[in-house]
Amino acid sequence: MSESDIQMVVAYIRPGKLTAVKKGLAEAGAPSLTVNNVRGRGSQPVKKGQWRGEEYVVDLHEKVKLECVVADVPADDVVEAIKEAAHTGDPGDGKIFVIDVADAIQIRTGKSGPEAV
């Protein structure tokens, strides 16, 4: 994929797929991750609703943002685990990004580079 020893895989997925993705990542050997609830807009269709007689539009959909930094596990394996676990085939399944990380420093031990991951 690239020349960097450390890579961050960032994925935006459906909230209901989080458990399956965590299991897939553990099986791929990359159990460490950070999870945030986010809202966003992509190719998923806009939903319209009505509440108390007023029409409203939902154009920001609930997603989960995963961040997984890897050095000893190939980023391709992490991407494949997420793709398989998060796939439904419908619009709004999400996106995955792979980013090179220049360095990592573990605060407690002072280790840096791939050892810190």
PDB file of N, CA and C in Angstrom:
ATOM      1  N   MET A   1       0.812  -1.186   0.000  1.00  0.00           N
ATOM      2  CA  MET A   1       0.000   0.000   0.000  1.00  0.00           C
ATOM      3  C   MET A   1       0.858   1.255   0.000  1.00  0.00           C
ATOM      4  N   SER A   2       1.788   1.405   0.968  1.00  0.00           N
ATOM      5  CA  SER A   2       2.654   2.576   0.968  1.00  0.00           C
ATOM      6  C   SER A   2       3.959   2.243   1.669  1.00  0.00           C
ATOM      7  N   GLU A   3       4.840   3.247   1.810  1.00  0.00           N
ATOM      8  CA  GLU A   3       6.168   3.051   2.371  1.00  0.00           C
ATOM      9  C   GLU A   3       6.216   3.203   3.895  1.00  0.00           C
ATOM     10  N   SER A   4       5.213   3.822   4.511  1.00  0.00           N
ATOM     11  CA  SER A   4       5.235   4.092   5.944  1.00  0.00           C
ATOM     12  C   SER A   4       5.109   2.805   6.755  1.00  0.00           C
ATOM     13  N   ASP A   5       5.821   2.753   7.913  1.00  0.00           N
ATOM     14  CA  ASP A   5       5.725   1.596   8.800  1.00  0.00           C
ATOM     15  C   ASP A   5       4.452   1.625   9.631  1.00  0.00           C
ATOM     16  N   ILE A   6       3.915   2.819   9.830  1.00  0.00           N
ATOM     17  CA  ILE A   6       2.720   2.988  10.658  1.00  0.00           C
ATOM     18  C   ILE A   6       1.617   3.573   9.787  1.00  0.00           C
ATOM     19  N   GLN A   7       0.434   2.979   9.865  1.00  0.00           N
ATOM     20  CA  GLN A   7      -0.699   3.498   9.109  1.00  0.00           C
ATOM     21  C   GLN A   7      -1.936   3.561   9.987  1.00  0.00           C
ATOM     22  N   MET A   8      -2.777   4.542   9.687  1.00  0.00           N
ATOM     23  CA  MET A   8      -4.053   4.674  10.377  1.00  0.00           C
ATOM     24  C   MET A   8      -5.162   4.358   9.377  1.00  0.00           C
ATOM     25  N   VAL A   9      -6.035   3.460   9.782  1.00  0.00           N
ATOM     26  CA  VAL A   9      -7.210   3.139   8.982  1.00  0.00           C
ATOM     27  C   VAL A   9      -8.390   3.824   9.659  1.00  0.00           C
ATOM     28  N   VAL A  10      -9.066   4.696   8.913  1.00  0.00           N
ATOM     29  CA  VAL A  10     -10.225   5.427   9.415  1.00  0.00           C
ATOM     30  C   VAL A  10     -11.431   4.952   8.620  1.00  0.00           C
ATOM     31  N   ALA A  11     -12.470   4.530   9.320  1.00  0.00           N
ATOM     32  CA  ALA A  11     -13.668   4.030   8.649  1.00  0.00           C
ATOM     33  C   ALA A  11     -14.904   4.679   9.240  1.00  0.00           C
ATOM     34  N   TYR A  12     -15.842   4.994   8.368  1.00  0.00           N
ATOM     35  CA  TYR A  12     -17.156   5.499   8.771  1.00  0.00           C
ATOM     36  C   TYR A  12     -18.159   4.419   8.399  1.00  0.00           C
ATOM     37  N   ILE A  13     -18.840   3.857   9.403  1.00  0.00           N
ATOM     38  CA  ILE A  13     -19.734   2.718   9.170  1.00  0.00           C
ATOM     39  C   ILE A  13     -21.090   2.957   9.829  1.00  0.00           C
ATOM     40  N   ARG A  14     -22.025   2.068   9.510  1.00  0.00           N
ATOM     41  CA  ARG A  14     -23.338   2.093  10.165  1.00  0.00           C
ATOM     42  C   ARG A  14     -23.177   1.665  11.631  1.00  0.00           C
ATOM     43  N   PRO A  15     -23.885   2.315  12.550  1.00  0.00           N
ATOM     44  CA  PRO A  15     -23.770   1.942  13.969  1.00  0.00           C
ATOM     45  C   PRO A  15     -24.094   0.476  14.242  1.00  0.00           C
ATOM     46  N   GLY A  16     -25.040  -0.078  13.521  1.00  0.00           N
ATOM     47  CA  GLY A  16     -25.433  -1.469  13.731  1.00  0.00           C
ATOM     48  C   GLY A  16     -24.385  -2.480  13.318  1.00  0.00           C
ATOM     49  N   LYS A  17     -23.361  -2.043  12.614  1.00  0.00           N
ATOM     50  CA  LYS A  17     -22.300  -2.946  12.155  1.00  0.00           C
ATOM     51  C   LYS A  17     -21.061  -2.923  13.053  1.00  0.00           C
ATOM     52  N   LEU A  18     -21.083  -2.120  14.115  1.00  0.00           N
ATOM     53  CA  LEU A  18     -19.911  -1.978  14.977  1.00  0.00           C
ATOM     54  C   LEU A  18     -19.471  -3.300  15.595  1.00  0.00           C
ATOM     55  N   THR A  19     -20.388  -4.078  16.118  1.00  0.00           N
ATOM     56  CA  THR A  19     -20.031  -5.348  16.755  1.00  0.00           C
ATOM     57  C   THR A  19     -19.365  -6.288  15.765  1.00  0.00           C
ATOM     58  N   ALA A  20     -19.920  -6.390  14.568  1.00  0.00           N
ATOM     59  CA  ALA A  20     -19.339  -7.271  13.549  1.00  0.00           C
ATOM     60  C   ALA A  20     -17.949  -6.793  13.137  1.00  0.00           C
ATOM     61  N   VAL A  21     -17.770  -5.482  13.021  1.00  0.00           N
ATOM     62  CA  VAL A  21     -16.464  -4.935  12.635  1.00  0.00           C
ATOM     63  C   VAL A  21     -15.440  -5.177  13.739  1.00  0.00           C
ATOM     64  N   LYS A  22     -15.817  -4.981  15.003  1.00  0.00           N
ATOM     65  CA  LYS A  22     -14.889  -5.246  16.102  1.00  0.00           C
ATOM     66  C   LYS A  22     -14.446  -6.705  16.096  1.00  0.00           C
ATOM     67  N   LYS A  23     -15.374  -7.606  15.846  1.00  0.00           N
ATOM     68  CA  LYS A  23     -15.041  -9.033  15.778  1.00  0.00           C
ATOM     69  C   LYS A  23     -14.099  -9.304  14.602  1.00  0.00           C
ATOM     70  N   GLY A  24     -14.380  -8.713  13.456  1.00  0.00           N
ATOM     71  CA  GLY A  24     -13.532  -8.896  12.282  1.00  0.00           C
ATOM     72  C   GLY A  24     -12.127  -8.366  12.500  1.00  0.00           C
ATOM     73  N   LEU A  25     -12.009  -7.214  13.161  1.00  0.00           N
ATOM     74  CA  LEU A  25     -10.697  -6.651  13.451  1.00  0.00           C
ATOM     75  C   LEU A  25      -9.911  -7.524  14.427  1.00  0.00           C
ATOM     76  N   ALA A  26     -10.586  -8.061  15.421  1.00  0.00           N
ATOM     77  CA  ALA A  26      -9.919  -8.954  16.374  1.00  0.00           C
ATOM     78  C   ALA A  26      -9.398 -10.200  15.664  1.00  0.00           C
ATOM     79  N   GLU A  27     -10.195 -10.742  14.751  1.00  0.00           N
ATOM     80  CA  GLU A  27      -9.768 -11.917  13.986  1.00  0.00           C
ATOM     81  C   GLU A  27      -8.604 -11.594  13.053  1.00  0.00           C
ATOM     82  N   ALA A  28      -8.519 -10.352  12.583  1.00  0.00           N
ATOM     83  CA  ALA A  28      -7.425  -9.933  11.707  1.00  0.00           C
ATOM     84  C   ALA A  28      -6.158  -9.591  12.493  1.00  0.00           C
ATOM     85  N   GLY A  29      -6.245  -9.598  13.818  1.00  0.00           N
ATOM     86  CA  GLY A  29      -5.083  -9.303  14.647  1.00  0.00           C
ATOM     87  C   GLY A  29      -4.912  -7.839  14.970  1.00  0.00           C
ATOM     88  N   ALA A  30      -5.972  -7.053  14.800  1.00  0.00           N
ATOM     89  CA  ALA A  30      -5.917  -5.609  15.091  1.00  0.00           C
ATOM     90  C   ALA A  30      -7.074  -5.220  16.008  1.00  0.00           C
ATOM     91  N   PRO A  31      -7.023  -5.648  17.278  1.00  0.00           N
ATOM     92  CA  PRO A  31      -8.153  -5.386  18.173  1.00  0.00           C
ATOM     93  C   PRO A  31      -8.208  -3.967  18.738  1.00  0.00           C
ATOM     94  N   SER A  32      -7.119  -3.188  18.648  1.00  0.00           N
ATOM     95  CA  SER A  32      -7.093  -1.841  19.219  1.00  0.00           C
ATOM     96  C   SER A  32      -7.739  -0.839  18.274  1.00  0.00           C
ATOM     97  N   LEU A  33      -8.674  -0.057  18.795  1.00  0.00           N
ATOM     98  CA  LEU A  33      -9.329   0.939  17.963  1.00  0.00           C
ATOM     99  C   LEU A  33      -9.940   2.025  18.825  1.00  0.00           C
ATOM    100  N   THR A  34     -10.245   3.137  18.189  1.00  0.00           N
ATOM    101  CA  THR A  34     -10.955   4.241  18.820  1.00  0.00           C
ATOM    102  C   THR A  34     -12.268   4.402  18.079  1.00  0.00           C
ATOM    103  N   VAL A  35     -13.348   4.632  18.826  1.00  0.00           N
ATOM    104  CA  VAL A  35     -14.686   4.721  18.234  1.00  0.00           C
ATOM    105  C   VAL A  35     -15.340   6.027  18.661  1.00  0.00           C
ATOM    106  N   ASN A  36     -15.928   6.727  17.692  1.00  0.00           N
ATOM    107  CA  ASN A  36     -16.683   7.960  17.955  1.00  0.00           C
ATOM    108  C   ASN A  36     -18.008   7.900  17.215  1.00  0.00           C
ATOM    109  N   ASN A  37     -19.045   8.431  17.838  1.00  0.00           N
ATOM    110  CA  ASN A  37     -20.319   8.592  17.141  1.00  0.00           C
ATOM    111  C   ASN A  37     -20.265   9.911  16.386  1.00  0.00           C
ATOM    112  N   VAL A  38     -20.596   9.857  15.109  1.00  0.00           N
ATOM    113  CA  VAL A  38     -20.559  11.052  14.265  1.00  0.00           C
ATOM    114  C   VAL A  38     -21.815  11.111  13.410  1.00  0.00           C
ATOM    115  N   ARG A  39     -22.033  12.251  12.771  1.00  0.00           N
ATOM    116  CA  ARG A  39     -23.126  12.428  11.831  1.00  0.00           C
ATOM    117  C   ARG A  39     -22.538  12.967  10.549  1.00  0.00           C
ATOM    118  N   GLY A  40     -23.070  12.525   9.417  1.00  0.00           N
ATOM    119  CA  GLY A  40     -22.527  13.014   8.165  1.00  0.00           C
ATOM    120  C   GLY A  40     -23.475  12.784   7.003  1.00  0.00           C
ATOM    121  N   ARG A  41     -23.031  13.289   5.854  1.00  0.00           N
ATOM    122  CA  ARG A  41     -23.843  13.184   4.654  1.00  0.00           C
ATOM    123  C   ARG A  41     -22.955  12.648   3.538  1.00  0.00           C
ATOM    124  N   GLY A  42     -23.484  11.707   2.779  1.00  0.00           N
ATOM    125  CA  GLY A  42     -22.768  11.135   1.642  1.00  0.00           C
ATOM    126  C   GLY A  42     -23.771  10.785   0.561  1.00  0.00           C
ATOM    127  N   SER A  43     -23.652   9.595   0.020  1.00  0.00           N
ATOM    128  CA  SER A  43     -24.544   9.178  -1.064  1.00  0.00           C
ATOM    129  C   SER A  43     -25.865   8.603  -0.555  1.00  0.00           C
ATOM    130  N   GLN A  44     -25.984   8.425   0.750  1.00  0.00           N
ATOM    131  CA  GLN A  44     -27.215   7.897   1.332  1.00  0.00           C
ATOM    132  C   GLN A  44     -28.354   8.891   1.110  1.00  0.00           C
ATOM    133  N   PRO A  45     -29.538   8.403   0.692  1.00  0.00           N
ATOM    134  CA  PRO A  45     -30.629   9.329   0.377  1.00  0.00           C
ATOM    135  C   PRO A  45     -31.126  10.110   1.598  1.00  0.00           C
ATOM    136  N   VAL A  46     -31.619  11.308   1.332  1.00  0.00           N
ATOM    137  CA  VAL A  46     -32.208  12.164   2.362  1.00  0.00           C
ATOM    138  C   VAL A  46     -33.544  11.563   2.783  1.00  0.00           C
ATOM    139  N   LYS A  47     -33.811  11.586   4.085  1.00  0.00           N
ATOM    140  CA  LYS A  47     -35.091  11.082   4.596  1.00  0.00           C
ATOM    141  C   LYS A  47     -35.951  12.258   5.021  1.00  0.00           C
ATOM    142  N   LYS A  48     -37.237  12.162   4.713  1.00  0.00           N
ATOM    143  CA  LYS A  48     -38.183  13.196   5.143  1.00  0.00           C
ATOM    144  C   LYS A  48     -39.158  12.578   6.124  1.00  0.00           C
ATOM    145  N   GLY A  49     -39.544  13.386   7.095  1.00  0.00           N
ATOM    146  CA  GLY A  49     -40.504  12.924   8.083  1.00  0.00           C
ATOM    147  C   GLY A  49     -41.437  14.046   8.472  1.00  0.00           C
ATOM    148  N   GLN A  50     -42.381  13.697   9.347  1.00  0.00           N
ATOM    149  CA  GLN A  50     -43.322  14.694   9.814  1.00  0.00           C
ATOM    150  C   GLN A  50     -43.478  14.515  11.317  1.00  0.00           C
ATOM    151  N   TRP A  51     -43.446  15.635  12.034  1.00  0.00           N
ATOM    152  CA  TRP A  51     -43.607  15.615  13.467  1.00  0.00           C
ATOM    153  C   TRP A  51     -44.477  16.791  13.862  1.00  0.00           C
ATOM    154  N   ARG A  52     -45.595  16.501  14.517  1.00  0.00           N
ATOM    155  CA  ARG A  52     -46.568  17.517  14.942  1.00  0.00           C
ATOM    156  C   ARG A  52     -46.993  18.420  13.790  1.00  0.00           C
ATOM    157  N   GLY A  53     -47.192  17.805  12.649  1.00  0.00           N
ATOM    158  CA  GLY A  53     -47.680  18.539  11.495  1.00  0.00           C
ATOM    159  C   GLY A  53     -46.618  19.272  10.705  1.00  0.00           C
ATOM    160  N   GLU A  54     -45.409  19.290  11.200  1.00  0.00           N
ATOM    161  CA  GLU A  54     -44.317  19.977  10.508  1.00  0.00           C
ATOM    162  C   GLU A  54     -43.436  18.948   9.801  1.00  0.00           C
ATOM    163  N   GLU A  55     -43.103  19.246   8.541  1.00  0.00           N
ATOM    164  CA  GLU A  55     -42.210  18.365   7.807  1.00  0.00           C
ATOM    165  C   GLU A  55     -40.760  18.709   8.148  1.00  0.00           C
ATOM    166  N   TYR A  56     -39.922  17.683   8.299  1.00  0.00           N
ATOM    167  CA  TYR A  56     -38.498  17.908   8.547  1.00  0.00           C
ATOM    168  C   TYR A  56     -37.681  16.982   7.657  1.00  0.00           C
ATOM    169  N   VAL A  57     -36.435  17.351   7.467  1.00  0.00           N
ATOM    170  CA  VAL A  57     -35.532  16.597   6.605  1.00  0.00           C
ATOM    171  C   VAL A  57     -34.353  16.105   7.441  1.00  0.00           C
ATOM    172  N   VAL A  58     -34.034  14.817   7.288  1.00  0.00           N
ATOM    173  CA  VAL A  58     -32.855  14.246   7.931  1.00  0.00           C
ATOM    174  C   VAL A  58     -31.817  14.038   6.834  1.00  0.00           C
ATOM    175  N   ASP A  59     -30.822  14.934   6.781  1.00  0.00           N
ATOM    176  CA  ASP A  59     -29.790  14.793   5.758  1.00  0.00           C
ATOM    177  C   ASP A  59     -28.418  14.490   6.354  1.00  0.00           C
ATOM    178  N   LEU A  60     -28.326  14.491   7.678  1.00  0.00           N
ATOM    179  CA  LEU A  60     -27.113  14.057   8.359  1.00  0.00           C
ATOM    180  C   LEU A  60     -27.429  12.741   9.057  1.00  0.00           C
ATOM    181  N   HIS A  61     -26.789  11.677   8.620  1.00  0.00           N
ATOM    182  CA  HIS A  61     -27.087  10.336   9.114  1.00  0.00           C
ATOM    183  C   HIS A  61     -26.098   9.924  10.204  1.00  0.00           C
ATOM    184  N   GLU A  62     -26.587   9.159  11.153  1.00  0.00           N
ATOM    185  CA  GLU A  62     -25.752   8.653  12.241  1.00  0.00           C
ATOM    186  C   GLU A  62     -24.761   7.639  11.688  1.00  0.00           C
ATOM    187  N   LYS A  63     -23.500   7.804  12.048  1.00  0.00           N
ATOM    188  CA  LYS A  63     -22.430   6.894  11.663  1.00  0.00           C
ATOM    189  C   LYS A  63     -21.519   6.672  12.855  1.00  0.00           C
ATOM    190  N   VAL A  64     -20.665   5.678  12.743  1.00  0.00           N
ATOM    191  CA  VAL A  64     -19.630   5.428  13.729  1.00  0.00           C
ATOM    192  C   VAL A  64     -18.295   5.603  13.024  1.00  0.00           C
ATOM    193  N   LYS A  65     -17.405   6.384  13.628  1.00  0.00           N
ATOM    194  CA  LYS A  65     -16.067   6.581  13.077  1.00  0.00           C
ATOM    195  C   LYS A  65     -15.098   5.695  13.854  1.00  0.00           C
ATOM    196  N   LEU A  66     -14.386   4.836  13.128  1.00  0.00           N
ATOM    197  CA  LEU A  66     -13.382   3.959  13.720  1.00  0.00           C
ATOM    198  C   LEU A  66     -12.006   4.440  13.305  1.00  0.00           C
ATOM    199  N   GLU A  67     -11.073   4.437  14.232  1.00  0.00           N
ATOM    200  CA  GLU A  67      -9.679   4.728  13.932  1.00  0.00           C
ATOM    201  C   GLU A  67      -8.844   3.572  14.464  1.00  0.00           C
ATOM    202  N   CYS A  68      -8.037   3.005  13.599  1.00  0.00           N
ATOM    203  CA  CYS A  68      -7.211   1.863  13.973  1.00  0.00           C
ATOM    204  C   CYS A  68      -5.808   2.113  13.430  1.00  0.00           C
ATOM    205  N   VAL A  69      -4.826   2.285  14.336  1.00  0.00           N
ATOM    206  CA  VAL A  69      -3.447   2.520  13.932  1.00  0.00           C
ATOM    207  C   VAL A  69      -2.713   1.186  14.004  1.00  0.00           C
ATOM    208  N   VAL A  70      -2.058   0.828  12.897  1.00  0.00           N
ATOM    209  CA  VAL A  70      -1.377  -0.471  12.834  1.00  0.00           C
ATOM    210  C   VAL A  70       0.060  -0.302  12.368  1.00  0.00           C
ATOM    211  N   ALA A  71       0.927  -1.181  12.885  1.00  0.00           N
ATOM    212  CA  ALA A  71       2.319  -1.225  12.444  1.00  0.00           C
ATOM    213  C   ALA A  71       2.718  -2.665  12.143  1.00  0.00           C
ATOM    214  N   ASP A  72       2.236  -3.606  12.955  1.00  0.00           N
ATOM    215  CA  ASP A  72       2.623  -5.002  12.783  1.00  0.00           C
ATOM    216  C   ASP A  72       1.588  -5.821  12.001  1.00  0.00           C
ATOM    217  N   VAL A  73       0.438  -5.241  11.722  1.00  0.00           N
ATOM    218  CA  VAL A  73      -0.608  -5.889  10.933  1.00  0.00           C
ATOM    219  C   VAL A  73      -0.742  -5.092   9.632  1.00  0.00           C
ATOM    220  N   PRO A  74      -0.747  -5.751   8.481  1.00  0.00           N
ATOM    221  CA  PRO A  74      -0.901  -5.000   7.229  1.00  0.00           C
ATOM    222  C   PRO A  74      -2.227  -4.235   7.185  1.00  0.00           C
ATOM    223  N   ALA A  75      -2.162  -2.971   6.765  1.00  0.00           N
ATOM    224  CA  ALA A  75      -3.371  -2.150   6.672  1.00  0.00           C
ATOM    225  C   ALA A  75      -4.376  -2.780   5.711  1.00  0.00           C
ATOM    226  N   ASP A  76      -3.889  -3.495   4.689  1.00  0.00           N
ATOM    227  CA  ASP A  76      -4.791  -4.163   3.748  1.00  0.00           C
ATOM    228  C   ASP A  76      -5.675  -5.187   4.454  1.00  0.00           C
ATOM    229  N   ASP A  77      -5.115  -5.897   5.450  1.00  0.00           N
ATOM    230  CA  ASP A  77      -5.896  -6.888   6.209  1.00  0.00           C
ATOM    231  C   ASP A  77      -6.976  -6.202   7.041  1.00  0.00           C
ATOM    232  N   VAL A  78      -6.626  -5.054   7.615  1.00  0.00           N
ATOM    233  CA  VAL A  78      -7.585  -4.292   8.417  1.00  0.00           C
ATOM    234  C   VAL A  78      -8.714  -3.776   7.526  1.00  0.00           C
ATOM    235  N   VAL A  79      -8.357  -3.233   6.370  1.00  0.00           N
ATOM    236  CA  VAL A  79      -9.354  -2.722   5.420  1.00  0.00           C
ATOM    237  C   VAL A  79     -10.292  -3.850   4.990  1.00  0.00           C
ATOM    238  N   GLU A  80      -9.738  -5.002   4.671  1.00  0.00           N
ATOM    239  CA  GLU A  80     -10.553  -6.133   4.218  1.00  0.00           C
ATOM    240  C   GLU A  80     -11.502  -6.600   5.321  1.00  0.00           C
ATOM    241  N   ALA A  81     -11.023  -6.645   6.571  1.00  0.00           N
ATOM    242  CA  ALA A  81     -11.874  -7.054   7.698  1.00  0.00           C
ATOM    243  C   ALA A  81     -13.044  -6.090   7.868  1.00  0.00           C
ATOM    244  N   ILE A  82     -12.778  -4.789   7.756  1.00  0.00           N
ATOM    245  CA  ILE A  82     -13.842  -3.798   7.894  1.00  0.00           C
ATOM    246  C   ILE A  82     -14.827  -3.911   6.731  1.00  0.00           C
ATOM    247  N   LYS A  83     -14.302  -4.024   5.504  1.00  0.00           N
ATOM    248  CA  LYS A  83     -15.170  -4.128   4.321  1.00  0.00           C
ATOM    249  C   LYS A  83     -16.124  -5.310   4.432  1.00  0.00           C
ATOM    250  N   GLU A  84     -15.599  -6.465   4.826  1.00  0.00           N
ATOM    251  CA  GLU A  84     -16.431  -7.667   4.919  1.00  0.00           C
ATOM    252  C   GLU A  84     -17.485  -7.542   6.014  1.00  0.00           C
ATOM    253  N   ALA A  85     -17.097  -6.999   7.163  1.00  0.00           N
ATOM    254  CA  ALA A  85     -18.017  -6.923   8.302  1.00  0.00           C
ATOM    255  C   ALA A  85     -19.061  -5.822   8.157  1.00  0.00           C
ATOM    256  N   ALA A  86     -18.733  -4.722   7.477  1.00  0.00           N
ATOM    257  CA  ALA A  86     -19.632  -3.569   7.404  1.00  0.00           C
ATOM    258  C   ALA A  86     -20.524  -3.571   6.167  1.00  0.00           C
ATOM    259  N   HIS A  87     -20.292  -4.472   5.238  1.00  0.00           N
ATOM    260  CA  HIS A  87     -21.014  -4.472   3.959  1.00  0.00           C
ATOM    261  C   HIS A  87     -22.473  -4.915   4.101  1.00  0.00           C
ATOM    262  N   THR A  88     -23.394  -4.102   3.558  1.00  0.00           N
ATOM    263  CA  THR A  88     -24.802  -4.515   3.433  1.00  0.00           C
ATOM    264  C   THR A  88     -25.238  -4.474   1.973  1.00  0.00           C
ATOM    265  N   GLY A  89     -24.526  -3.688   1.161  1.00  0.00           N
ATOM    266  CA  GLY A  89     -24.886  -3.544  -0.241  1.00  0.00           C
ATOM    267  C   GLY A  89     -25.803  -2.366  -0.517  1.00  0.00           C
ATOM    268  N   ASP A  90     -26.234  -1.684   0.523  1.00  0.00           N
ATOM    269  CA  ASP A  90     -27.129  -0.533   0.376  1.00  0.00           C
ATOM    270  C   ASP A  90     -26.336   0.770   0.464  1.00  0.00           C
ATOM    271  N   PRO A  91     -26.874   1.860  -0.119  1.00  0.00           N
ATOM    272  CA  PRO A  91     -26.203   3.154   0.054  1.00  0.00           C
ATOM    273  C   PRO A  91     -26.086   3.492   1.539  1.00  0.00           C
ATOM    274  N   GLY A  92     -24.955   4.071   1.919  1.00  0.00           N
ATOM    275  CA  GLY A  92     -24.744   4.436   3.319  1.00  0.00           C
ATOM    276  C   GLY A  92     -23.929   3.435   4.097  1.00  0.00           C
ATOM    277  N   ASP A  93     -23.329   2.446   3.419  1.00  0.00           N
ATOM    278  CA  ASP A  93     -22.475   1.479   4.117  1.00  0.00           C
ATOM    279  C   ASP A  93     -21.252   2.138   4.728  1.00  0.00           C
ATOM    280  N   GLY A  94     -20.755   3.206   4.120  1.00  0.00           N
ATOM    281  CA  GLY A  94     -19.643   3.936   4.700  1.00  0.00           C
ATOM    282  C   GLY A  94     -18.446   4.029   3.788  1.00  0.00           C
ATOM    283  N   LYS A  95     -17.340   4.511   4.357  1.00  0.00           N
ATOM    284  CA  LYS A  95     -16.098   4.708   3.629  1.00  0.00           C
ATOM    285  C   LYS A  95     -14.936   4.297   4.520  1.00  0.00           C
ATOM    286  N   ILE A  96     -13.809   3.946   3.868  1.00  0.00           N
ATOM    287  CA  ILE A  96     -12.576   3.602   4.580  1.00  0.00           C
ATOM    288  C   ILE A  96     -11.444   4.422   3.971  1.00  0.00           C
ATOM    289  N   PHE A  97     -10.608   4.986   4.832  1.00  0.00           N
ATOM    290  CA  PHE A  97      -9.451   5.761   4.401  1.00  0.00           C
ATOM    291  C   PHE A  97      -8.207   5.192   5.072  1.00  0.00           C
ATOM    292  N   VAL A  98      -7.096   5.130   4.340  1.00  0.00           N
ATOM    293  CA  VAL A  98      -5.826   4.681   4.892  1.00  0.00           C
ATOM    294  C   VAL A  98      -4.858   5.854   4.817  1.00  0.00           C
ATOM    295  N   ILE A  99      -4.277   6.196   5.971  1.00  0.00           N
ATOM    296  CA  ILE A  99      -3.426   7.385   6.090  1.00  0.00           C
ATOM    297  C   ILE A  99      -2.067   6.971   6.647  1.00  0.00           C
ATOM    298  N   ASP A 100      -0.996   7.442   6.020  1.00  0.00           N
ATOM    299  CA  ASP A 100       0.345   7.199   6.558  1.00  0.00           C
ATOM    300  C   ASP A 100       0.543   8.038   7.815  1.00  0.00           C
ATOM    301  N   VAL A 101       1.159   7.438   8.831  1.00  0.00           N
ATOM    302  CA  VAL A 101       1.442   8.126  10.083  1.00  0.00           C
ATOM    303  C   VAL A 101       2.957   8.354  10.156  1.00  0.00           C
ATOM    304  N   ALA A 102       3.377   9.583  10.327  1.00  0.00           N
ATOM    305  CA  ALA A 102       4.801   9.917  10.340  1.00  0.00           C
ATOM    306  C   ALA A 102       5.505   9.315  11.552  1.00  0.00           C
ATOM    307  N   ASP A 103       4.856   9.355  12.711  1.00  0.00           N
ATOM    308  CA  ASP A 103       5.473   8.825  13.925  1.00  0.00           C
ATOM    309  C   ASP A 103       4.399   8.602  14.974  1.00  0.00           C
ATOM    310  N   ALA A 104       4.727   7.807  15.967  1.00  0.00           N
ATOM    311  CA  ALA A 104       3.853   7.565  17.114  1.00  0.00           C
ATOM    312  C   ALA A 104       4.727   7.535  18.355  1.00  0.00           C
ATOM    313  N   ILE A 105       4.258   8.115  19.437  1.00  0.00           N
ATOM    314  CA  ILE A 105       5.002   8.132  20.693  1.00  0.00           C
ATOM    315  C   ILE A 105       4.078   7.653  21.797  1.00  0.00           C
ATOM    316  N   GLN A 106       4.518   6.652  22.533  1.00  0.00           N
ATOM    317  CA  GLN A 106       3.744   6.172  23.677  1.00  0.00           C
ATOM    318  C   GLN A 106       4.115   7.023  24.887  1.00  0.00           C
ATOM    319  N   ILE A 107       3.152   7.686  25.456  1.00  0.00           N
ATOM    320  CA  ILE A 107       3.411   8.647  26.534  1.00  0.00           C
ATOM    321  C   ILE A 107       3.997   7.961  27.767  1.00  0.00           C
ATOM    322  N   ARG A 108       3.443   6.839  28.170  1.00  0.00           N
ATOM    323  CA  ARG A 108       3.881   6.179  29.389  1.00  0.00           C
ATOM    324  C   ARG A 108       5.326   5.734  29.335  1.00  0.00           C
ATOM    325  N   THR A 109       5.735   5.091  28.233  1.00  0.00           N
ATOM    326  CA  THR A 109       7.084   4.512  28.154  1.00  0.00           C
ATOM    327  C   THR A 109       8.080   5.367  27.379  1.00  0.00           C
ATOM    328  N   GLY A 110       7.590   6.285  26.565  1.00  0.00           N
ATOM    329  CA  GLY A 110       8.481   7.088  25.745  1.00  0.00           C
ATOM    330  C   GLY A 110       8.899   6.403  24.455  1.00  0.00           C
ATOM    331  N   LYS A 111       8.412   5.174  24.219  1.00  0.00           N
ATOM    332  CA  LYS A 111       8.740   4.471  22.986  1.00  0.00           C
ATOM    333  C   LYS A 111       8.175   5.251  21.786  1.00  0.00           C
ATOM    334  N   SER A 112       8.872   5.135  20.653  1.00  0.00           N
ATOM    335  CA  SER A 112       8.383   5.802  19.462  1.00  0.00           C
ATOM    336  C   SER A 112       8.456   4.867  18.261  1.00  0.00           C
ATOM    337  N   GLY A 113       7.814   5.286  17.176  1.00  0.00           N
ATOM    338  CA  GLY A 113       7.783   4.474  15.963  1.00  0.00           C
ATOM    339  C   GLY A 113       6.860   3.285  16.110  1.00  0.00           C
ATOM    340  N   PRO A 114       7.103   2.232  15.344  1.00  0.00           N
ATOM    341  CA  PRO A 114       6.223   1.055  15.375  1.00  0.00           C
ATOM    342  C   PRO A 114       6.130   0.406  16.758  1.00  0.00           C
ATOM    343  N   GLU A 115       7.185   0.537  17.584  1.00  0.00           N
ATOM    344  CA  GLU A 115       7.140  -0.033  18.944  1.00  0.00           C
ATOM    345  C   GLU A 115       6.068   0.631  19.805  1.00  0.00           C
ATOM    346  N   ALA A 116       5.752   1.879  19.519  1.00  0.00           N
ATOM    347  CA  ALA A 116       4.766   2.602  20.315  1.00  0.00           C
ATOM    348  C   ALA A 116       3.343   2.155  19.998  1.00  0.00           C
ATOM    349  N   VAL A 117       3.151   1.579  18.817  1.00  0.00           N
ATOM    350  CA  VAL A 117       1.813   1.166  18.403  1.00  0.00           C
ATOM    351  C   VAL A 117       1.509  -0.167  19.034  1.00  0.00           C
TER     352      VAL A 117
END
